[in-house]
Amino acid sequence: MNQDITAVKSKSEVNPLHRRVSRILKTNTTFTIPFEERYVPDHKEVVKMIDMFRSMGCVIVFMTGVWDLFHIGHGDYIEKGKEEARKLFPDAEHIIMVVGIDTDAFTRLRKGPNRPIVPEDERARVLRHLRPVDIIVPQYEADQLFKVVKHDVRVISHSTADLPGLEIIQKQCTHIVNLPPQAETSTTARIRRLSFDGAVSTLLKVKGALIAALEEVSNEIEK
């Protein structure tokens, strides 16, 4: 019996993916790991890791977004999503939160050439600092991660306009947590406000320059 345990332990230690999964599980206590171990750009590796987590009895929670100009609503949304998942599975020892993040190229395709404001690497690193987030996975095209991340709970928001139908989402998970916006502001609204403020500032500067130029012309005419 002891030999079997030693063999399993030895195999786990040799397999870097097993070790990585184990380290992620420990982040729920006092153990921390670097960003590079929580950010998983290789989707084949994501599939293997999710299978390992599920084999250990973990509940997988999944959500995705752009997370551009990260604000308090984003943080509350992620935190609330994991809390609601825990309510659905109160006996689960581990709730693993997988957060998808739209790449820069995909974000431009969805939201236009001026987005995102914050580059992909920085947006991913911001997510890394959030305690509820266990794994961060880039999404390169629409609805791609639904097929990659086998999840028990899907967290969505009322404010997301381009989600597939709820009946499609329901086929991919056991539970849907549909949350209202967690803040009065939004990234889009904030960008509009910044653009408006910038335009007003520019107009005021131009106005001052025009007045000065007109006064100069007037003075020349009066001479």
Protein backbone atom coordinates (compact mmCIF):
# COMPACT_ATOMS: atom_id res chain seq x y z
CA MET A 1 0.00 0.00 0.00
CA ASN A 2 2.78 2.44 0.95
CA GLN A 3 4.58 1.56 -2.24
CA ASP A 4 1.46 2.48 -4.27
CA ILE A 5 1.18 5.87 -2.52
CA THR A 6 4.89 6.51 -3.11
CA ALA A 7 4.51 5.60 -6.79
CA VAL A 8 1.55 7.97 -7.24
CA LYS A 9 3.39 10.73 -5.40
CA SER A 10 6.50 10.17 -7.48
CA LYS A 11 4.48 10.28 -10.72
CA SER A 12 2.78 13.51 -9.60
CA GLU A 13 6.10 15.12 -8.79
CA VAL A 14 7.52 14.18 -12.19
CA ASN A 15 4.50 15.56 -14.10
CA PRO A 16 4.84 19.39 -14.18
CA LEU A 17 1.14 19.82 -14.96
CA HIS A 18 0.14 17.86 -11.84
CA ARG A 19 2.49 20.01 -9.81
CA ARG A 20 1.04 23.17 -11.35
CA VAL A 21 -2.54 22.10 -10.55
CA SER A 22 -1.52 21.30 -6.98
CA ARG A 23 0.08 24.72 -6.57
CA ILE A 24 -3.06 26.46 -7.87
CA LEU A 25 -5.18 24.57 -5.32
CA LYS A 26 -2.90 25.79 -2.56
CA THR A 27 -3.47 29.46 -3.49
CA ASN A 28 -6.78 29.19 -1.63
CA THR A 29 -4.79 29.00 1.60
CA THR A 30 -1.48 30.77 2.17
CA PHE A 31 0.45 29.69 -0.90
CA THR A 32 1.01 31.99 -3.88
CA ILE A 33 2.36 31.20 -7.33
CA PRO A 34 3.67 33.43 -10.12
CA PHE A 35 1.49 34.85 -12.88
CA GLU A 36 3.01 32.52 -15.47
CA GLU A 37 1.56 29.46 -13.73
CA ARG A 38 -1.98 30.85 -13.55
CA TYR A 39 -2.02 32.28 -17.09
CA VAL A 40 -2.57 29.41 -19.56
CA PRO A 41 -2.50 30.50 -23.24
CA ASP A 42 -2.29 26.92 -24.56
CA HIS A 43 -5.87 25.63 -24.74
CA LYS A 44 -4.76 21.99 -24.95
CA GLU A 45 -3.02 22.49 -21.62
CA VAL A 46 -6.16 24.12 -20.22
CA VAL A 47 -8.21 21.03 -21.12
CA LYS A 48 -5.75 18.75 -19.32
CA MET A 49 -5.66 20.96 -16.24
CA ILE A 50 -9.46 21.17 -16.03
CA ASP A 51 -9.69 17.38 -16.32
CA MET A 52 -7.22 17.06 -13.44
CA PHE A 53 -9.16 19.50 -11.28
CA ARG A 54 -12.42 17.70 -11.98
CA SER A 55 -10.85 14.32 -11.17
CA MET A 56 -10.01 15.78 -7.74
CA GLY A 57 -13.65 16.70 -7.15
CA CYS A 58 -13.22 20.42 -7.83
CA VAL A 59 -16.15 22.51 -9.06
CA ILE A 60 -15.26 24.60 -12.10
CA VAL A 61 -16.70 28.12 -12.46
CA PHE A 62 -16.23 29.96 -15.74
CA MET A 63 -16.69 33.53 -16.91
CA THR A 64 -15.17 35.61 -19.65
CA GLY A 65 -14.77 39.26 -20.59
CA VAL A 66 -12.49 41.97 -21.91
CA TRP A 67 -11.70 43.49 -18.47
CA ASP A 68 -10.60 46.74 -20.10
CA LEU A 69 -9.99 49.75 -17.82
CA PHE A 70 -10.64 47.46 -14.85
CA HIS A 71 -13.03 49.02 -12.32
CA ILE A 72 -14.83 48.05 -9.12
CA GLY A 73 -17.78 46.56 -11.03
CA HIS A 74 -15.45 44.04 -12.64
CA GLY A 75 -13.95 43.03 -9.30
CA ASP A 76 -17.35 42.69 -7.61
CA TYR A 77 -18.69 40.69 -10.57
CA ILE A 78 -15.87 38.14 -10.31
CA GLU A 79 -16.10 37.92 -6.54
CA LYS A 80 -19.90 37.60 -6.56
CA GLY A 81 -19.74 34.93 -9.27
CA LYS A 82 -17.50 32.72 -7.16
CA GLU A 83 -19.62 33.32 -4.06
CA GLU A 84 -22.78 32.26 -5.89
CA ALA A 85 -21.04 29.13 -7.19
CA ARG A 86 -20.08 28.21 -3.63
CA LYS A 87 -23.72 28.54 -2.60
CA LEU A 88 -24.67 26.10 -5.34
CA PHE A 89 -22.00 23.62 -4.22
CA PRO A 90 -21.67 24.19 -0.44
CA ASP A 91 -19.97 20.83 0.13
CA ALA A 92 -17.28 21.32 -2.52
CA GLU A 93 -13.80 21.40 -1.07
CA HIS A 94 -12.45 23.51 -3.91
CA ILE A 95 -14.16 25.99 -6.27
CA ILE A 96 -11.88 26.76 -9.22
CA MET A 97 -12.60 30.04 -10.99
CA VAL A 98 -11.49 30.10 -14.64
CA VAL A 99 -11.59 33.57 -16.18
CA GLY A 100 -11.40 34.05 -19.94
CA ILE A 101 -9.90 37.26 -21.30
CA ASP A 102 -10.47 38.46 -24.86
CA THR A 103 -7.22 39.04 -26.75
CA ASP A 104 -6.40 42.45 -28.21
CA ALA A 105 -7.15 41.25 -31.75
CA PHE A 106 -10.50 39.74 -30.79
CA THR A 107 -11.45 42.83 -28.77
CA ARG A 108 -10.79 45.08 -31.77
CA LEU A 109 -13.00 42.81 -33.86
CA ARG A 110 -15.82 43.01 -31.27
CA LYS A 111 -15.59 46.60 -30.12
CA GLY A 112 -13.79 48.53 -32.86
CA PRO A 113 -10.25 49.65 -33.73
CA ASN A 114 -9.85 51.88 -30.66
CA ARG A 115 -10.27 49.07 -28.15
CA PRO A 116 -8.90 47.80 -25.91
CA ILE A 117 -7.45 50.77 -24.08
CA VAL A 118 -5.30 48.56 -21.85
CA PRO A 119 -3.16 45.91 -23.60
CA GLU A 120 -3.86 42.22 -23.18
CA ASP A 121 -0.84 41.35 -21.04
CA GLU A 122 -1.61 44.11 -18.53
CA ARG A 123 -5.30 43.19 -18.35
CA ALA A 124 -4.35 39.57 -17.63
CA ARG A 125 -1.89 40.61 -14.92
CA VAL A 126 -4.55 42.72 -13.22
CA LEU A 127 -6.79 39.62 -13.02
CA ARG A 128 -3.93 37.69 -11.46
CA HIS A 129 -4.07 39.93 -8.38
CA LEU A 130 -7.71 39.03 -7.63
CA ARG A 131 -8.04 36.36 -4.96
CA PRO A 132 -11.11 34.61 -6.53
CA VAL A 133 -9.29 34.06 -9.86
CA ASP A 134 -7.48 30.72 -10.16
CA ILE A 135 -6.79 30.39 -13.90
CA ILE A 136 -6.68 33.04 -16.66
CA VAL A 137 -7.19 31.89 -20.25
CA PRO A 138 -7.06 34.05 -23.40
CA GLN A 139 -9.99 33.86 -25.82
CA TYR A 140 -8.90 34.28 -29.44
CA GLU A 141 -12.31 34.12 -31.15
CA ALA A 142 -16.03 34.23 -30.35
CA ASP A 143 -17.44 31.53 -28.04
CA GLN A 144 -14.16 29.62 -28.22
CA LEU A 145 -13.69 28.89 -24.52
CA PHE A 146 -17.12 27.27 -24.08
CA LYS A 147 -15.68 24.28 -25.92
CA VAL A 148 -12.39 24.33 -24.03
CA VAL A 149 -13.37 24.80 -20.39
CA LYS A 150 -15.66 22.06 -19.06
CA HIS A 151 -17.48 23.95 -16.33
CA ASP A 152 -20.18 23.33 -13.75
CA VAL A 153 -21.20 26.97 -13.29
CA ARG A 154 -21.26 29.70 -15.92
CA VAL A 155 -21.33 33.31 -14.71
CA ILE A 156 -22.84 35.87 -17.08
CA SER A 157 -24.05 39.46 -16.81
CA HIS A 158 -27.35 41.11 -17.80
CA SER A 159 -25.30 43.83 -19.48
CA THR A 160 -23.44 41.58 -21.95
CA ALA A 161 -25.08 42.08 -25.34
CA ASP A 162 -23.42 39.45 -27.56
CA LEU A 163 -23.86 36.26 -25.53
CA PRO A 164 -25.19 33.14 -27.23
CA GLY A 165 -28.71 32.13 -26.23
CA LEU A 166 -29.27 30.92 -22.67
CA GLU A 167 -30.44 27.55 -23.99
CA ILE A 168 -27.01 27.10 -25.61
CA ILE A 169 -25.16 28.11 -22.45
CA GLN A 170 -27.33 25.78 -20.35
CA LYS A 171 -26.24 22.80 -22.44
CA GLN A 172 -22.61 23.53 -21.54
CA CYS A 173 -22.95 23.61 -17.74
CA THR A 174 -25.11 22.56 -14.79
CA HIS A 175 -25.91 26.04 -13.48
CA ILE A 176 -26.05 29.59 -14.86
CA VAL A 177 -25.45 32.53 -12.55
CA ASN A 178 -26.89 35.61 -14.27
CA LEU A 179 -25.76 38.72 -12.40
CA PRO A 180 -26.86 42.34 -12.80
CA PRO A 181 -24.13 44.95 -13.38
CA GLN A 182 -22.18 45.33 -10.14
CA ALA A 183 -21.47 49.05 -10.56
CA GLU A 184 -23.19 52.12 -12.00
CA THR A 185 -20.26 52.79 -14.31
CA SER A 186 -19.03 50.75 -17.26
CA THR A 187 -15.86 50.70 -19.31
CA THR A 188 -17.70 52.03 -22.36
CA ALA A 189 -19.26 54.88 -20.36
CA ARG A 190 -15.90 55.73 -18.83
CA ILE A 191 -14.23 55.85 -22.25
CA ARG A 192 -16.99 58.10 -23.58
CA ARG A 193 -16.56 60.43 -20.61
CA LEU A 194 -12.80 60.56 -21.09
CA SER A 195 -13.27 61.24 -24.81
CA PHE A 196 -15.81 63.97 -24.07
CA ASP A 197 -13.60 65.60 -21.45
CA GLY A 198 -10.66 65.44 -23.84
CA ALA A 199 -12.69 66.99 -26.65
CA VAL A 200 -13.91 69.81 -24.40
CA SER A 201 -10.37 70.48 -23.21
CA THR A 202 -9.16 70.62 -26.81
CA LEU A 203 -11.98 72.97 -27.80
CA LEU A 204 -11.15 75.33 -24.93
CA LYS A 205 -7.51 75.40 -25.98
CA VAL A 206 -8.48 76.08 -29.61
CA LYS A 207 -10.92 78.77 -28.46
CA GLY A 208 -8.17 80.55 -26.56
CA ALA A 209 -5.82 80.37 -29.53
CA LEU A 210 -8.53 81.66 -31.90
CA ILE A 211 -9.36 84.61 -29.63
CA ALA A 212 -5.69 85.51 -29.39
CA ALA A 213 -5.30 85.27 -33.18
CA LEU A 214 -8.40 87.41 -33.81
CA GLU A 215 -7.18 90.06 -31.38
CA GLU A 216 -3.84 90.12 -33.15
CA VAL A 217 -5.50 90.52 -36.56
CA SER A 218 -7.77 93.25 -35.16
CA ASN A 219 -4.80 95.14 -33.78
CA GLU A 220 -3.05 94.94 -37.12
CA ILE A 221 -6.09 96.28 -38.93
CA GLU A 222 -6.44 99.24 -36.56
CA LYS A 223 -2.85 100.34 -37.10
